[in-house]
Amino acid sequence: MAFNKAVLKENYPFSELIDGDVNTLIFPNLAAGNVAYNLLQGVAGFDAIGPILLGMKKPVHILQLGSTVRQIVNMVLIAVVDAQTKCCKTEEAKNGKKK
């Protein structure tokens, strides 16, 4: 629905996606996600980054077997941003406690 602007506007006229572009898709389960992931990558030539696990106590970044150099670099970028964000939050928490 996010790709079809007419259907989106009819069902969700309040959505901010009507005027913008979609860059994130969420699926109900792993099987549906894998089908769409491979379809979009193969047919449309999209750059897919992931899978990314959320909600873990420690960061988890996964590379698929046979990942391309570009996919590895993209995942490394995500890992670096994740580490920097966690580091900044830790520093802010330490500095906040000292005051």
C-alpha atoms as a PDB file:
ATOM      1  CA  MET A   1       0.000   0.000   0.000  1.00  0.00           C
ATOM      2  CA  ALA A   2       2.871   2.391   0.707  1.00  0.00           C
ATOM      3  CA  PHE A   3       3.947   2.272  -2.943  1.00  0.00           C
ATOM      4  CA  ASN A   4       0.472   2.954  -4.362  1.00  0.00           C
ATOM      5  CA  LYS A   5      -0.210   6.643  -3.652  1.00  0.00           C
ATOM      6  CA  ALA A   6      -3.894   6.490  -4.703  1.00  0.00           C
ATOM      7  CA  VAL A   7      -4.698   3.593  -2.346  1.00  0.00           C
ATOM      8  CA  LEU A   8      -2.621   5.171   0.408  1.00  0.00           C
ATOM      9  CA  LYS A   9      -4.419   8.505   0.070  1.00  0.00           C
ATOM     10  CA  GLU A  10      -7.836   6.788   0.063  1.00  0.00           C
ATOM     11  CA  ASN A  11      -7.168   4.635   3.154  1.00  0.00           C
ATOM     12  CA  TYR A  12      -4.760   6.858   5.095  1.00  0.00           C
ATOM     13  CA  PRO A  13      -5.308  10.507   4.063  1.00  0.00           C
ATOM     14  CA  PHE A  14      -3.446  11.648   7.204  1.00  0.00           C
ATOM     15  CA  SER A  15      -0.258   9.753   6.270  1.00  0.00           C
ATOM     16  CA  GLU A  16       2.969  11.684   5.742  1.00  0.00           C
ATOM     17  CA  LEU A  17       3.974   9.120   3.109  1.00  0.00           C
ATOM     18  CA  ILE A  18       1.533  10.533   0.550  1.00  0.00           C
ATOM     19  CA  ASP A  19       3.955  13.307  -0.397  1.00  0.00           C
ATOM     20  CA  GLY A  20       7.162  11.409   0.354  1.00  0.00           C
ATOM     21  CA  ASP A  21       8.968   8.286  -0.730  1.00  0.00           C
ATOM     22  CA  VAL A  22       9.036   4.950   1.054  1.00  0.00           C
ATOM     23  CA  ASN A  23      12.440   3.763   2.311  1.00  0.00           C
ATOM     24  CA  THR A  24      11.475   1.255   5.010  1.00  0.00           C
ATOM     25  CA  LEU A  25       9.202  -1.759   4.796  1.00  0.00           C
ATOM     26  CA  ILE A  26       7.947  -3.796   7.764  1.00  0.00           C
ATOM     27  CA  PHE A  27       6.659  -7.359   7.376  1.00  0.00           C
ATOM     28  CA  PRO A  28       4.575  -9.548   9.682  1.00  0.00           C
ATOM     29  CA  ASN A  29       7.021 -12.453   9.701  1.00  0.00           C
ATOM     30  CA  LEU A  30      10.400 -13.616   8.453  1.00  0.00           C
ATOM     31  CA  ALA A  31       9.034 -15.556   5.467  1.00  0.00           C
ATOM     32  CA  ALA A  32       7.114 -12.562   4.103  1.00  0.00           C
ATOM     33  CA  GLY A  33      10.127 -10.327   4.677  1.00  0.00           C
ATOM     34  CA  ASN A  34      12.491 -12.694   2.865  1.00  0.00           C
ATOM     35  CA  VAL A  35      10.201 -13.001  -0.163  1.00  0.00           C
ATOM     36  CA  ALA A  36       9.810  -9.235  -0.502  1.00  0.00           C
ATOM     37  CA  TYR A  37      13.501  -8.605   0.245  1.00  0.00           C
ATOM     38  CA  ASN A  38      14.677 -10.907  -2.541  1.00  0.00           C
ATOM     39  CA  LEU A  39      11.973  -9.738  -4.949  1.00  0.00           C
ATOM     40  CA  LEU A  40      12.763  -6.053  -4.528  1.00  0.00           C
ATOM     41  CA  GLN A  41      16.483  -6.655  -4.727  1.00  0.00           C
ATOM     42  CA  GLY A  42      16.227  -8.754  -7.888  1.00  0.00           C
ATOM     43  CA  VAL A  43      13.474  -6.982  -9.818  1.00  0.00           C
ATOM     44  CA  ALA A  44      13.911  -3.354  -8.818  1.00  0.00           C
ATOM     45  CA  GLY A  45      17.631  -3.388  -8.103  1.00  0.00           C
ATOM     46  CA  PHE A  46      17.123  -1.908  -4.633  1.00  0.00           C
ATOM     47  CA  ASP A  47      19.939  -1.782  -2.127  1.00  0.00           C
ATOM     48  CA  ALA A  48      18.751  -3.857   0.804  1.00  0.00           C
ATOM     49  CA  ILE A  49      20.487  -3.441   4.151  1.00  0.00           C
ATOM     50  CA  GLY A  50      19.892  -6.027   6.789  1.00  0.00           C
ATOM     51  CA  PRO A  51      18.673  -8.000   8.502  1.00  0.00           C
ATOM     52  CA  ILE A  52      18.970  -5.845  11.595  1.00  0.00           C
ATOM     53  CA  LEU A  53      17.928  -7.195  15.000  1.00  0.00           C
ATOM     54  CA  LEU A  54      16.334  -4.705  17.367  1.00  0.00           C
ATOM     55  CA  GLY A  55      15.598  -4.944  21.050  1.00  0.00           C
ATOM     56  CA  MET A  56      18.650  -6.942  22.067  1.00  0.00           C
ATOM     57  CA  LYS A  57      20.668  -5.973  25.145  1.00  0.00           C
ATOM     58  CA  LYS A  58      23.839  -5.893  23.037  1.00  0.00           C
ATOM     59  CA  PRO A  59      24.056  -4.760  19.391  1.00  0.00           C
ATOM     60  CA  VAL A  60      23.685  -7.494  16.766  1.00  0.00           C
ATOM     61  CA  HIS A  61      24.601  -6.913  13.110  1.00  0.00           C
ATOM     62  CA  ILE A  62      24.180  -9.778  10.673  1.00  0.00           C
ATOM     63  CA  LEU A  63      25.745 -10.395   7.285  1.00  0.00           C
ATOM     64  CA  GLN A  64      24.238 -12.947   4.947  1.00  0.00           C
ATOM     65  CA  LEU A  65      26.396 -15.670   3.432  1.00  0.00           C
ATOM     66  CA  GLY A  66      27.610 -14.394   0.068  1.00  0.00           C
ATOM     67  CA  SER A  67      27.190 -10.700   0.930  1.00  0.00           C
ATOM     68  CA  THR A  68      28.638  -8.250  -1.581  1.00  0.00           C
ATOM     69  CA  VAL A  69      31.290  -5.705  -0.648  1.00  0.00           C
ATOM     70  CA  ARG A  70      28.641  -2.981  -0.798  1.00  0.00           C
ATOM     71  CA  GLN A  71      26.381  -4.906   1.622  1.00  0.00           C
ATOM     72  CA  ILE A  72      29.312  -5.390   4.017  1.00  0.00           C
ATOM     73  CA  VAL A  73      30.197  -1.683   3.898  1.00  0.00           C
ATOM     74  CA  ASN A  74      26.543  -0.718   4.486  1.00  0.00           C
ATOM     75  CA  MET A  75      26.296  -3.013   7.521  1.00  0.00           C
ATOM     76  CA  VAL A  76      29.601  -1.691   8.894  1.00  0.00           C
ATOM     77  CA  LEU A  77      28.231   1.848   8.575  1.00  0.00           C
ATOM     78  CA  ILE A  78      25.156   0.870  10.568  1.00  0.00           C
ATOM     79  CA  ALA A  79      27.331  -0.809  13.214  1.00  0.00           C
ATOM     80  CA  VAL A  80      29.527   2.300  13.539  1.00  0.00           C
ATOM     81  CA  VAL A  81      26.554   4.657  13.873  1.00  0.00           C
ATOM     82  CA  ASP A  82      25.001   2.281  16.412  1.00  0.00           C
ATOM     83  CA  ALA A  83      28.246   2.171  18.438  1.00  0.00           C
ATOM     84  CA  GLN A  84      28.631   5.964  18.314  1.00  0.00           C
ATOM     85  CA  THR A  85      25.043   6.492  19.434  1.00  0.00           C
ATOM     86  CA  LYS A  86      25.423   4.061  22.338  1.00  0.00           C
ATOM     87  CA  CYS A  87      28.747   5.650  23.306  1.00  0.00           C
ATOM     88  CA  CYS A  88      27.242   9.156  23.307  1.00  0.00           C
ATOM     89  CA  LYS A  89      24.301   8.020  25.428  1.00  0.00           C
ATOM     90  CA  THR A  90      26.704   6.361  27.883  1.00  0.00           C
ATOM     91  CA  GLU A  91      28.837   9.525  28.087  1.00  0.00           C
ATOM     92  CA  GLU A  92      25.755  11.704  28.605  1.00  0.00           C
ATOM     93  CA  ALA A  93      24.533   9.402  31.369  1.00  0.00           C
ATOM     94  CA  LYS A  94      27.931   9.514  33.110  1.00  0.00           C
ATOM     95  CA  ASN A  95      28.174  13.295  32.824  1.00  0.00           C
ATOM     96  CA  GLY A  96      24.604  13.734  34.032  1.00  0.00           C
ATOM     97  CA  LYS A  97      25.284  11.650  37.156  1.00  0.00           C
ATOM     98  CA  LYS A  98      28.418  13.638  38.056  1.00  0.00           C
ATOM     99  CA  LYS A  99      26.585  16.986  38.103  1.00  0.00           C
END
